[in-house]
Protein backbone atom coordinates (compact mmCIF):
# COMPACT_ATOMS: atom_id res chain seq x y z
CA UNK A 1 8.29 15.19 29.74
CA UNK A 2 6.57 16.65 26.66
CA UNK A 3 4.65 14.35 24.33
CA UNK A 4 7.05 14.70 21.39
CA UNK A 5 9.99 13.59 23.52
CA UNK A 6 8.01 10.66 24.90
CA UNK A 7 6.88 9.74 21.38
CA UNK A 8 10.51 9.55 20.26
CA UNK A 9 11.33 7.32 23.23
CA UNK A 10 8.43 4.98 22.47
CA UNK A 11 9.38 4.77 18.81
CA UNK A 12 12.97 3.90 19.76
CA UNK A 13 11.68 1.17 22.09
CA UNK A 14 9.53 -0.37 19.38
CA UNK A 15 12.24 -0.13 16.70
CA UNK A 16 14.76 -1.77 19.05
CA UNK A 17 12.72 -4.96 18.85
CA UNK A 18 13.21 -7.58 16.15
CA UNK A 19 12.86 -5.56 12.93
CA UNK A 20 10.10 -5.82 10.36
CA UNK A 21 12.28 -7.67 7.84
CA UNK A 22 13.37 -10.26 10.43
CA UNK A 23 10.15 -12.24 10.22
CA UNK A 24 9.39 -15.30 12.35
CA UNK A 25 6.11 -16.41 10.85
CA UNK A 26 3.95 -17.76 13.66
CA UNK A 27 0.64 -16.91 15.30
CA UNK A 28 1.26 -18.14 18.84
CA UNK A 29 2.75 -14.94 20.25
CA UNK A 30 0.06 -12.75 18.69
CA UNK A 31 -2.74 -15.08 19.75
CA UNK A 32 -1.48 -14.94 23.32
CA UNK A 33 -1.21 -11.13 23.27
CA UNK A 34 -4.75 -10.55 22.01
CA UNK A 35 -6.00 -13.07 24.54
CA UNK A 36 -4.40 -11.03 27.32
CA UNK A 37 -5.88 -7.84 25.84
CA UNK A 38 -9.41 -9.28 25.77
CA UNK A 39 -9.59 -10.24 22.07
CA UNK A 40 -9.77 -6.69 20.65
CA UNK A 41 -9.49 -8.03 17.09
CA UNK A 42 -13.07 -9.32 17.48
CA UNK A 43 -14.52 -5.96 18.50
CA UNK A 44 -15.61 -5.09 14.94
CA UNK A 45 -15.87 -6.72 11.51
CA UNK A 46 -12.67 -6.85 9.47
CA UNK A 47 -11.77 -6.44 5.81
CA UNK A 48 -8.44 -8.21 5.42
CA UNK A 49 -6.08 -7.43 2.50
CA UNK A 50 -3.08 -9.36 1.20
CA UNK A 51 -1.26 -9.75 -2.12
CA UNK A 52 2.17 -8.84 -3.47
CA UNK A 53 1.52 -5.32 -4.76
CA UNK A 54 -1.25 -2.75 -4.31
CA UNK A 55 -2.28 -3.60 -0.75
CA UNK A 56 -1.89 -0.14 0.78
CA UNK A 57 -3.58 1.68 -2.11
CA UNK A 58 -6.46 -0.80 -2.03
CA UNK A 59 -6.78 -0.36 1.74
CA UNK A 60 -6.93 3.43 1.38
CA UNK A 61 -9.62 3.21 -1.32
CA UNK A 62 -11.64 0.72 0.74
CA UNK A 63 -11.39 3.06 3.71
CA UNK A 64 -12.58 6.05 1.67
CA UNK A 65 -15.60 4.14 0.35
CA UNK A 66 -16.59 2.92 3.81
CA UNK A 67 -16.32 6.41 5.28
CA UNK A 68 -18.49 7.75 2.46
CA UNK A 69 -21.21 5.43 3.79
CA UNK A 70 -21.00 7.04 7.23
CA UNK A 71 -18.97 4.27 8.89
CA UNK A 72 -16.20 4.95 11.37
CA UNK A 73 -13.11 3.16 10.12
CA UNK A 74 -9.82 1.90 11.49
CA UNK A 75 -6.99 1.17 9.05
CA UNK A 76 -3.73 -0.68 9.69
CA UNK A 77 -1.17 -0.61 6.87
CA UNK A 78 2.58 -1.04 6.49
CA UNK A 79 5.26 0.03 6.07
CA UNK A 80 5.09 3.75 6.76
CA UNK A 81 6.63 6.45 4.60
CA UNK A 82 7.66 9.05 7.18
CA UNK A 83 5.91 8.65 10.54
CA UNK A 84 5.22 5.38 12.33
CA UNK A 85 1.80 6.82 13.29
CA UNK A 86 0.72 6.52 9.63
CA UNK A 87 0.21 2.80 10.19
CA UNK A 88 -2.73 3.20 12.59
CA UNK A 89 -5.46 5.43 11.16
CA UNK A 90 -8.90 6.38 12.48
CA UNK A 91 -11.40 7.94 10.05
CA UNK A 92 -8.65 8.78 7.58
CA UNK A 93 -6.29 10.44 10.09
CA UNK A 94 -3.14 8.93 11.65
CA UNK A 95 -3.54 8.64 15.39
CA UNK A 96 -1.98 11.44 17.42
CA UNK A 97 1.33 11.16 19.23
CA UNK A 98 -0.57 11.27 22.53
CA UNK A 99 -2.83 8.36 21.53
CA UNK A 100 0.13 6.39 20.16
CA UNK A 101 2.03 6.79 23.43
CA UNK A 102 -1.00 6.01 25.60
CA UNK A 103 -1.75 2.86 23.61
CA UNK A 104 1.86 1.69 23.81
CA UNK A 105 1.89 2.19 27.58
CA UNK A 106 -1.37 0.23 27.86
CA UNK A 107 -0.16 -2.67 25.72
CA UNK A 108 3.53 -3.02 26.64
CA UNK A 109 3.03 -4.81 30.01
CA UNK A 110 1.16 -7.57 28.18
CA UNK A 111 3.79 -7.66 25.44
CA UNK A 112 6.45 -8.19 28.11
CA UNK A 113 4.42 -11.07 29.58
CA UNK A 114 4.35 -12.73 26.15
CA UNK A 115 8.09 -12.10 25.72
CA UNK A 116 8.79 -13.96 28.97
CA UNK A 117 6.81 -17.01 27.84
CA UNK A 118 8.37 -17.50 24.40
CA UNK A 119 11.90 -18.15 23.17
CA UNK A 120 11.45 -15.42 20.52
CA UNK A 121 10.32 -12.00 21.74
CA UNK A 122 7.51 -10.11 20.02
CA UNK A 123 8.66 -8.16 17.00
CA UNK A 124 8.32 -4.53 15.96
CA UNK A 125 5.41 -5.48 13.67
CA UNK A 126 3.65 -7.68 16.22
CA UNK A 127 3.68 -4.90 18.82
CA UNK A 128 2.23 -2.42 16.32
CA UNK A 129 -0.45 -4.92 15.29
CA UNK A 130 -1.47 -5.38 18.91
CA UNK A 131 -1.60 -1.61 19.34
CA UNK A 132 -3.80 -1.25 16.26
CA UNK A 133 -6.28 -3.81 17.56
CA UNK A 134 -6.38 -2.01 20.91
CA UNK A 135 -6.97 1.39 19.30
CA UNK A 136 -9.74 0.08 17.06
CA UNK A 137 -11.51 -1.59 20.00
CA UNK A 138 -11.16 1.41 22.31
CA UNK A 139 -12.28 4.04 19.77
CA UNK A 140 -14.48 2.05 18.82
CA UNK A 141 -14.65 1.72 15.02
CA UNK A 142 -17.41 0.19 12.90
CA UNK A 143 -15.02 -1.71 10.63
CA UNK A 144 -11.27 -2.34 10.50
CA UNK A 145 -9.23 -2.59 7.30
CA UNK A 146 -6.13 -4.69 7.93
CA UNK A 147 -3.19 -5.00 5.56
CA UNK A 148 -1.13 -8.17 5.96
CA UNK A 149 2.55 -7.70 6.75
CA UNK A 150 4.02 -10.75 5.00
CA UNK A 151 2.14 -13.64 3.41
CA UNK A 152 -1.15 -14.23 5.17
CA UNK A 153 -1.58 -17.66 6.75
CA UNK A 154 0.95 -17.06 9.53
CA UNK A 155 1.01 -13.27 9.47
CA UNK A 156 0.18 -11.85 12.89
CA UNK A 157 -2.80 -9.91 11.52
CA UNK A 158 -4.41 -13.29 10.81
CA UNK A 159 -5.59 -13.68 14.40
CA UNK A 160 -8.50 -11.60 13.08
CA UNK A 161 -11.22 -13.24 10.96
CA UNK A 162 -12.04 -11.08 7.98
CA UNK A 163 -15.63 -11.14 6.75
CA UNK A 164 -14.11 -10.00 3.43
CA UNK A 165 -10.66 -11.09 2.25
CA UNK A 166 -9.08 -9.14 -0.61
CA UNK A 167 -6.13 -10.62 -2.50
CA UNK A 168 -4.36 -8.19 -4.82
CA UNK A 169 -2.10 -9.48 -7.65
CA UNK A 170 0.43 -12.10 -6.58
CA UNK A 171 3.98 -12.32 -7.90
CA UNK A 172 7.39 -13.37 -6.58
CA UNK A 173 8.52 -11.51 -3.47
CA UNK A 174 9.66 -12.54 0.01
CA UNK A 175 10.61 -15.89 -1.51
CA UNK A 176 12.85 -16.77 1.45
CA UNK A 177 9.77 -16.79 3.67
CA UNK A 178 6.88 -17.71 1.40
CA UNK A 179 8.34 -20.04 -1.23
CA UNK A 180 9.99 -19.55 -4.59
CA UNK A 181 6.98 -20.25 -6.81
CA UNK A 182 3.79 -18.30 -7.37
CA UNK A 183 1.78 -21.35 -6.28
CA UNK A 184 3.56 -21.56 -2.92
CA UNK A 185 3.15 -17.83 -2.29
CA UNK A 186 -0.55 -18.00 -3.24
CA UNK A 187 -1.06 -20.85 -0.76
CA UNK A 188 0.32 -18.67 2.04
CA UNK A 189 -1.77 -15.65 1.06
CA UNK A 190 -4.93 -17.75 0.73
CA UNK A 191 -4.75 -18.31 4.47
CA UNK A 192 -6.62 -15.07 5.21
CA UNK A 193 -9.75 -16.46 3.51
CA UNK A 194 -11.97 -17.65 6.36
CA UNK A 195 -15.00 -19.98 6.30
CA UNK A 196 -18.11 -18.13 5.16
CA UNK A 197 -16.18 -15.03 4.10
CA UNK A 198 -16.25 -13.31 0.71
CA UNK A 199 -12.93 -13.59 -1.15
CA UNK A 200 -12.35 -10.69 -3.55
CA UNK A 201 -9.64 -11.74 -5.99
CA UNK A 202 -7.79 -9.35 -8.27
CA UNK A 203 -6.69 -10.69 -11.65
CA UNK A 204 -4.03 -13.29 -10.92
CA UNK A 205 -1.54 -15.46 -12.76
CA UNK A 206 -3.29 -18.73 -13.65
CA UNK A 207 -1.17 -20.71 -11.17
CA UNK A 208 -2.10 -18.37 -8.32
CA UNK A 209 -5.78 -18.23 -9.27
CA UNK A 210 -6.08 -22.02 -9.18
CA UNK A 211 -4.61 -22.19 -5.67
CA UNK A 212 -6.82 -19.38 -4.36
CA UNK A 213 -10.02 -20.78 -5.85
CA UNK A 214 -9.31 -24.27 -4.55
CA UNK A 215 -8.69 -22.94 -1.05
CA UNK A 216 -11.84 -20.77 -1.09
CA UNK A 217 -13.93 -23.80 -2.04
CA UNK A 218 -12.33 -25.89 0.72
CA UNK A 219 -13.23 -23.37 3.44
CA UNK A 220 -16.68 -22.53 2.07
CA UNK A 221 -15.98 -18.93 1.08
CA UNK A 222 -17.83 -17.01 -1.65
CA UNK A 223 -15.54 -15.90 -4.48
CA UNK A 224 -15.68 -12.67 -6.48
CA UNK A 225 -13.14 -12.50 -9.34
CA UNK A 226 -11.92 -9.42 -11.15
CA UNK A 227 -12.78 -9.76 -14.82
CA UNK A 228 -15.67 -12.13 -14.08
CA UNK A 229 -17.94 -10.91 -11.26
CA UNK A 230 -16.52 -7.36 -11.18
CA UNK A 231 -13.92 -5.24 -12.92
CA UNK A 232 -12.91 -2.15 -14.87
CA UNK A 233 -15.24 -1.60 -17.83
CA UNK A 234 -13.29 1.32 -19.29
CA UNK A 235 -10.61 3.82 -18.37
CA UNK A 236 -8.95 6.83 -19.94
CA UNK A 237 -6.21 9.12 -18.70
CA UNK A 238 -7.43 12.36 -17.13
CA UNK A 239 -5.62 15.37 -15.71
CA UNK A 240 -4.08 14.25 -12.45
CA UNK A 241 -5.34 10.68 -12.73
CA UNK A 242 -7.88 8.73 -14.77
CA UNK A 243 -11.60 8.45 -15.52
CA UNK A 244 -13.14 5.03 -14.89
CA UNK A 245 -16.25 3.03 -15.51
CA UNK A 246 -16.48 0.21 -12.96
CA UNK A 247 -18.66 -2.86 -12.71
CA UNK A 248 -19.17 -3.93 -9.14
CA UNK A 249 -20.86 -6.92 -7.59
CA UNK A 250 -24.13 -5.01 -7.19
CA UNK A 251 -24.15 -2.42 -9.94
CA UNK A 252 -22.18 -0.36 -12.45
CA UNK A 253 -20.64 3.02 -11.69
CA UNK A 254 -19.91 5.50 -14.47
CA UNK A 255 -17.77 8.65 -14.60
CA UNK A 256 -15.61 7.74 -11.62
CA UNK A 257 -12.60 10.04 -11.35
CA UNK A 258 -9.58 8.48 -9.63
CA UNK A 259 -6.72 10.90 -8.88
CA UNK A 260 -4.10 8.15 -9.20
CA UNK A 261 -2.12 7.03 -12.23
CA UNK A 262 -1.93 3.64 -13.90
CA UNK A 263 -3.95 0.62 -14.89
CA UNK A 264 -2.91 -1.10 -11.65
CA UNK A 265 -4.65 1.61 -9.62
CA UNK A 266 -7.83 1.17 -11.65
CA UNK A 267 -7.68 -2.53 -10.76
CA UNK A 268 -7.13 -1.66 -7.10
CA UNK A 269 -10.19 0.61 -7.27
CA UNK A 270 -12.32 -2.20 -8.69
CA UNK A 271 -11.19 -4.53 -5.89
CA UNK A 272 -11.91 -1.91 -3.21
CA UNK A 273 -15.38 -1.31 -4.65
CA UNK A 274 -16.16 -5.04 -4.72
CA UNK A 275 -14.87 -5.41 -1.15
CA UNK A 276 -17.16 -2.64 0.12
CA UNK A 277 -20.14 -3.99 -1.82
CA UNK A 278 -19.47 -7.43 -0.34
CA UNK A 279 -19.13 -5.93 3.12
CA UNK A 280 -22.39 -4.00 2.68
CA UNK A 281 -24.14 -7.28 1.95
CA UNK A 282 -22.62 -8.95 5.00
CA UNK A 283 -23.42 -6.00 7.24
CA UNK A 284 -26.97 -5.67 5.93
CA UNK A 285 -27.85 -9.27 6.69
CA UNK A 286 -30.25 -11.53 4.87
CA UNK A 287 -33.31 -9.83 6.29
CA UNK A 288 -32.39 -6.35 5.09
CA UNK A 289 -34.19 -4.69 2.21
CA UNK A 290 -30.82 -3.16 1.26
CA UNK A 291 -29.19 -6.51 0.53
CA UNK A 292 -28.27 -6.73 -3.13
CA UNK A 293 -28.74 -3.01 -3.81
CA UNK A 294 -25.96 -1.07 -5.48
CA UNK A 295 -24.04 1.55 -3.53
CA UNK A 296 -25.03 5.17 -4.04
CA UNK A 297 -23.16 6.16 -7.24
CA UNK A 298 -22.69 9.75 -6.07
CA UNK A 299 -21.06 8.58 -2.85
CA UNK A 300 -18.82 6.21 -4.78
CA UNK A 301 -17.73 8.99 -7.12
CA UNK A 302 -17.16 11.39 -4.22
CA UNK A 303 -15.11 8.85 -2.28
CA UNK A 304 -12.83 7.95 -5.19
CA UNK A 305 -12.29 11.61 -6.08
CA UNK A 306 -10.73 12.17 -2.64
CA UNK A 307 -8.47 9.11 -2.61
CA UNK A 308 -4.74 9.61 -2.23
CA UNK A 309 -1.92 7.10 -1.95
CA UNK A 310 1.24 8.86 -0.79
CA UNK A 311 4.45 7.47 -2.20
CA UNK A 312 2.66 5.73 -5.06
CA UNK A 313 3.26 7.60 -8.34
CA UNK A 314 3.10 10.80 -6.29
CA UNK A 315 4.14 14.10 -7.84
CA UNK A 316 6.10 16.14 -5.30
CA UNK A 317 7.37 18.98 -7.47
CA UNK A 318 7.05 20.38 -10.98
CA UNK A 319 9.53 21.94 -13.44
CA UNK A 320 11.10 19.52 -13.49
CA UNK A 321 8.42 17.05 -12.49
CA UNK A 322 9.59 14.88 -9.57
CA UNK A 323 7.67 11.65 -8.99
CA UNK A 324 8.21 9.23 -6.12
CA UNK A 325 7.07 5.63 -6.24
CA UNK A 326 7.43 2.83 -3.70
CA UNK A 327 7.79 -0.05 -6.19
CA UNK A 328 10.16 -2.63 -4.68
CA UNK A 329 9.88 -5.73 -6.87
CA UNK A 330 9.85 -6.35 -10.64
CA UNK A 331 6.06 -6.71 -10.90
CA UNK A 332 5.51 -3.46 -9.04
CA UNK A 333 8.14 -1.72 -11.14
CA UNK A 334 6.51 -2.94 -14.35
CA UNK A 335 3.25 -1.33 -13.23
CA UNK A 336 5.07 1.91 -12.43
CA UNK A 337 6.80 1.96 -15.83
CA UNK A 338 3.47 1.43 -17.61
CA UNK A 339 1.80 4.18 -15.59
CA UNK A 340 4.57 6.72 -16.29
CA UNK A 341 4.55 5.87 -19.98
CA UNK A 342 0.78 6.28 -20.19
CA UNK A 343 0.43 9.46 -18.15
CA UNK A 344 3.53 11.54 -18.97
CA UNK A 345 5.46 12.58 -22.07
CA UNK A 346 8.96 13.53 -21.00
CA UNK A 347 11.69 14.43 -23.46
CA UNK A 348 14.11 13.22 -20.79
CA UNK A 349 13.39 11.17 -17.69
CA UNK A 350 16.11 10.60 -15.12
CA UNK A 351 15.77 7.95 -12.45
CA UNK A 352 16.97 7.91 -8.85
CA UNK A 353 17.17 4.35 -7.59
CA UNK A 354 17.90 2.81 -4.19
CA UNK A 355 16.71 -0.63 -3.12
CA UNK A 356 17.20 -3.20 -0.40
CA UNK A 357 19.93 -5.72 -1.06
CA UNK A 358 17.61 -8.67 -0.46
CA UNK A 359 15.29 -7.67 -3.33
CA UNK A 360 15.48 -8.56 -7.04
CA UNK A 361 17.43 -5.43 -7.92
CA UNK A 362 18.43 -6.61 -11.40
CA UNK A 363 14.81 -7.43 -12.18
CA UNK A 364 13.67 -3.94 -11.17
CA UNK A 365 16.45 -2.26 -13.14
CA UNK A 366 15.57 -4.30 -16.23
CA UNK A 367 11.97 -3.05 -16.01
CA UNK A 368 13.17 0.56 -15.69
CA UNK A 369 15.67 0.52 -18.55
CA UNK A 370 13.27 1.21 -21.47
CA UNK A 371 11.70 4.11 -19.57
CA UNK A 372 14.70 6.04 -18.26
CA UNK A 373 17.22 8.06 -20.22
CA UNK A 374 19.61 8.14 -17.26
CA UNK A 375 19.76 6.56 -13.81
CA UNK A 376 21.46 7.78 -10.66
CA UNK A 377 21.99 4.95 -8.16
CA UNK A 378 22.34 5.68 -4.46
CA UNK A 379 21.37 4.29 -1.07
CA UNK A 380 18.45 4.96 1.26
CA UNK A 381 18.35 5.29 5.04
CA UNK A 382 17.85 1.57 5.70
CA UNK A 383 20.67 -0.63 6.92
CA UNK A 384 19.43 -3.14 4.32
CA UNK A 385 20.06 -0.74 1.43
CA UNK A 386 22.33 -2.05 -1.31
CA UNK A 387 25.52 0.00 -1.55
CA UNK A 388 25.65 2.37 -4.53
CA UNK A 389 28.77 0.78 -6.04
CA UNK A 390 27.11 -2.65 -6.02
CA UNK A 391 23.90 -1.25 -7.51
CA UNK A 392 25.93 0.57 -10.17
CA UNK A 393 27.57 -2.68 -11.30
CA UNK A 394 24.15 -4.21 -11.88
CA UNK A 395 22.83 -1.05 -13.54
CA UNK A 396 25.76 -0.75 -15.93
CA UNK A 397 25.13 -4.29 -17.21
CA UNK A 398 21.57 -3.24 -18.12
CA UNK A 399 21.85 0.47 -18.99
CA UNK A 400 25.47 0.73 -20.12
CA UNK A 401 28.10 2.82 -18.35
CA UNK A 402 27.21 6.09 -20.09
CA UNK A 403 23.69 6.19 -18.63
CA UNK A 404 24.62 5.39 -15.01
CA UNK A 405 25.76 7.81 -12.31
CA UNK A 406 26.59 7.08 -8.67
CA UNK A 407 25.76 9.25 -5.66
CA UNK A 408 26.67 8.41 -2.09
CA UNK A 409 23.52 9.94 -0.61
CA UNK A 410 19.93 10.36 -1.75
CA UNK A 411 19.95 14.16 -1.69
CA UNK A 412 23.02 14.20 -3.96
CA UNK A 413 21.33 11.70 -6.28
CA UNK A 414 18.20 13.84 -6.51
CA UNK A 415 20.29 16.92 -7.28
CA UNK A 416 22.13 15.05 -10.05
CA UNK A 417 18.89 13.79 -11.57
CA UNK A 418 17.27 17.23 -11.41
CA UNK A 419 20.28 18.68 -13.25
CA UNK A 420 19.76 16.13 -16.03
CA UNK A 421 16.03 16.86 -16.22
CA UNK A 422 16.64 20.62 -16.20
CA UNK A 423 18.68 20.25 -19.38
CA UNK A 424 15.56 18.92 -21.11
CA UNK A 425 13.45 21.76 -19.71
CA UNK A 426 15.91 24.36 -20.98
CA UNK A 427 15.95 22.76 -24.41
CA UNK A 428 12.29 21.77 -24.83
CA UNK A 429 10.31 23.90 -22.39
CA UNK A 430 8.31 23.28 -19.18
CA UNK A 431 7.12 19.74 -18.56
CA UNK A 432 9.73 18.11 -20.78
CA UNK A 433 12.04 16.96 -17.98
CA UNK A 434 11.22 14.54 -15.22
CA UNK A 435 12.72 12.65 -12.29
CA UNK A 436 11.43 9.29 -11.01
CA UNK A 437 12.61 8.29 -7.51
CA UNK A 438 11.92 4.64 -6.79
CA UNK A 439 13.15 1.19 -5.66
CA UNK A 440 11.76 0.97 -2.14
CA UNK A 441 9.11 2.32 0.21
CA UNK A 442 12.01 3.62 2.29
CA UNK A 443 13.47 5.43 -0.72
CA UNK A 444 10.10 7.06 -1.40
CA UNK A 445 9.74 8.04 2.25
CA UNK A 446 13.25 9.48 2.42
CA UNK A 447 12.56 11.54 -0.70
CA UNK A 448 9.27 12.75 0.76
CA UNK A 449 11.10 13.99 3.86
CA UNK A 450 13.55 15.89 1.67
CA UNK A 451 11.10 17.36 -0.82
CA UNK A 452 7.61 17.63 0.65
CA UNK A 453 6.40 20.39 3.00
CA UNK A 454 6.38 19.80 6.77
CA UNK A 455 8.94 17.01 6.57
CA UNK A 456 6.72 14.92 4.31
CA UNK A 457 4.39 13.54 6.99
CA UNK A 458 1.19 12.07 5.57
CA UNK A 459 -1.77 14.27 6.43
CA UNK A 460 -5.35 13.38 7.33
CA UNK A 461 -7.54 12.51 4.37
CA UNK A 462 -10.54 14.70 3.43
CA UNK A 463 -13.74 13.89 5.33
CA UNK A 464 -16.50 12.16 3.39
CA UNK A 465 -18.72 15.24 3.46
CA UNK A 466 -16.20 17.59 1.83
CA UNK A 467 -17.38 18.75 -1.63
CA UNK A 468 -15.36 17.32 -4.48
CA UNK A 469 -14.16 19.18 -7.56
CA UNK A 470 -15.43 18.29 -11.00
CA UNK A 471 -12.95 16.05 -12.83
CA UNK A 472 -12.00 16.91 -16.38
CA UNK A 473 -10.57 14.42 -18.80
CA UNK A 474 -7.49 15.23 -20.80
CA UNK A 475 -9.65 15.29 -23.95
CA UNK A 476 -11.99 17.92 -22.46
CA UNK A 477 -9.07 20.20 -21.62
CA UNK A 478 -7.20 19.74 -24.91
């Protein structure tokens, strides 16, 4: 059997398990699995990342900075856009189909043992987490960057003890599992902060910040807060992204070009920088002459220049400009709206929207309304997708009937939105029409498959040694 066929079989086997959205928050199954595997989650130090929005982008930036320092990295993020292999990454590259299959075949006998001992079998996400730990231990990597699946305290990634815990902005999401207040959600996410660790906290709502700080004090963690110990000193839009000045925990870094749009990505960059500075201090140890020294500014600039975050304000085509974004809750959508408004000037912007029925769809649509001239509602490939007719009812209450179209399938919705944007291009010239495809990670991934080369699979990231181009600000090119 060829490897591609076997890979499809393995993926079907994993997907047939309890799905990612059917969460049974508990650590007992995962703790038993890693025990059987020889505790691979302890094979290297861990930077652990949770929060409501920005986790994957922050993980990718953290990874890039660590690799710029010559470290071999493992990264585990979720969900994936196109290929399940995107979730387990070594040195910036998704693991191969052959390695994915080999790891599954190594781990699955132990998974089946755990299944037999528990009333609830291991889930899709738990199996992938176990595989990631096994890959990182076998490679081996110098440091693992782990993104939490849901919450933190009882998320299966929390069998690992992070020496650095990063908590990106917290807002309401997964309320059925985590609680229906920001304070309750913050209490769950605080659970990744371990005794003696460094907790890197993005700017938070006051209610969340109080919970996180109290927990950090209780467990004896060191706290680094965005806007106090570190943060973004200045930022301005630049061609293809933005130019930043960042203050870290150990120094300031000027003229940092980030090829991502939006204030929220600048904040993610500041958190990633602080996390790597904190990790450098932990790794150096108290006896090292390097402890307390700033990172090499040239390496920091080089690393950020090469960062990508597929599916996050990603431009797939031009004329008209087609942007995909994985925002899937109101807070994430608000950040997307702000980033589009800051970075683009469209005479007409049409939206394509498909979201899961268990999300705050009305809240997301309300955030989009001031930005979009028209919206085409559809469904994505998930069984959880809200039906277009139901989405249209909600959209019409917010946008009005004249601005809402319905399409049964995503490709039809994209075609309808492109037609609307093309009218602006014909009337006002190139760059005046745009399409924003959003509402879910699945929606963004489906659009990437349709529109991006090679079926949209996420490619390996540039190696740390690759020369970077000189960034130009919009002012310099005007």
